[in-house]
C-alpha atoms as a PDB file:
ATOM      1  CA  MET A   1      94.447 131.940 120.487  1.00  0.00           C
ATOM      2  CA  TYR A   2      92.079 134.873 120.849  1.00  0.00           C
ATOM      3  CA  ASN A   3      93.505 136.714 117.849  1.00  0.00           C
ATOM      4  CA  GLY A   4      93.427 133.644 115.577  1.00  0.00           C
ATOM      5  CA  GLN A   5      97.119 132.825 115.887  1.00  0.00           C
ATOM      6  CA  GLU A   6      98.518 129.694 117.430  1.00  0.00           C
ATOM      7  CA  PRO A   7     100.831 130.094 120.401  1.00  0.00           C
ATOM      8  CA  ILE A   8     104.515 129.897 119.635  1.00  0.00           C
ATOM      9  CA  ARG A   9     105.994 126.591 120.725  1.00  0.00           C
ATOM     10  CA  GLN A  10     108.792 128.388 122.598  1.00  0.00           C
ATOM     11  CA  ASP A  11     106.213 130.240 124.688  1.00  0.00           C
ATOM     12  CA  VAL A  12     104.529 126.941 125.525  1.00  0.00           C
ATOM     13  CA  PHE A  13     107.864 125.494 126.673  1.00  0.00           C
ATOM     14  CA  LYS A  14     108.423 128.462 128.996  1.00  0.00           C
ATOM     15  CA  CYS A  15     105.371 127.320 130.966  1.00  0.00           C
ATOM     16  CA  LEU A  16     106.812 123.849 131.594  1.00  0.00           C
ATOM     17  CA  GLU A  17     109.016 122.965 134.547  1.00  0.00           C
ATOM     18  CA  ASN A  18     111.359 120.870 132.424  1.00  0.00           C
ATOM     19  CA  ARG A  19     112.029 121.688 128.812  1.00  0.00           C
ATOM     20  CA  PRO A  20     111.765 118.620 126.567  1.00  0.00           C
ATOM     21  CA  SER A  21     114.806 117.381 124.686  1.00  0.00           C
ATOM     22  CA  ILE A  22     115.485 118.772 121.238  1.00  0.00           C
ATOM     23  CA  LEU A  23     114.451 115.473 119.631  1.00  0.00           C
ATOM     24  CA  LYS A  24     111.027 115.398 121.294  1.00  0.00           C
ATOM     25  CA  ALA A  25     110.325 119.139 121.502  1.00  0.00           C
ATOM     26  CA  ARG A  26     108.386 119.352 118.247  1.00  0.00           C
ATOM     27  CA  GLU A  27     106.159 116.363 119.045  1.00  0.00           C
ATOM     28  CA  ILE A  28     105.475 117.490 122.605  1.00  0.00           C
ATOM     29  CA  GLY A  29     104.899 121.112 121.565  1.00  0.00           C
ATOM     30  CA  GLU A  30     102.371 120.146 118.910  1.00  0.00           C
ATOM     31  CA  ARG A  31     100.561 117.841 121.331  1.00  0.00           C
ATOM     32  CA  ILE A  32     100.293 120.584 123.976  1.00  0.00           C
ATOM     33  CA  ILE A  33      99.043 123.140 121.440  1.00  0.00           C
ATOM     34  CA  LEU A  34      96.443 120.647 120.166  1.00  0.00           C
ATOM     35  CA  LYS A  35      95.187 120.054 123.711  1.00  0.00           C
ATOM     36  CA  ILE A  36      94.991 123.810 124.325  1.00  0.00           C
ATOM     37  CA  LYS A  37      92.928 124.208 121.144  1.00  0.00           C
ATOM     38  CA  LYS A  38      90.548 121.415 122.185  1.00  0.00           C
ATOM     39  CA  PHE A  39      90.176 122.920 125.663  1.00  0.00           C
ATOM     40  CA  ILE A  40      89.351 126.364 124.269  1.00  0.00           C
ATOM     41  CA  ASP A  41      87.009 124.874 121.665  1.00  0.00           C
ATOM     42  CA  VAL A  42      84.833 123.464 124.456  1.00  0.00           C
ATOM     43  CA  PHE A  43      84.126 126.985 125.662  1.00  0.00           C
ATOM     44  CA  VAL A  44      83.696 128.469 122.188  1.00  0.00           C
ATOM     45  CA  THR A  45      81.323 125.850 120.764  1.00  0.00           C
ATOM     46  CA  GLY A  46      79.912 124.713 124.072  1.00  0.00           C
ATOM     47  CA  MET A  47      79.798 121.378 125.758  1.00  0.00           C
ATOM     48  CA  THR A  48      77.698 118.602 124.273  1.00  0.00           C
ATOM     49  CA  GLY A  49      76.782 115.321 125.755  1.00  0.00           C
END
């Protein structure tokens, strides 16, 4: 994320205890990457409220 590239989905799956099934891997991987982006964005743009 720091160099402007998204993490590779396979690397994200290595961090999980249980790898998702082949049928759900894409959906779950994209959802995790989106949440990572949102989490990092809070620290880049700051918290508002």
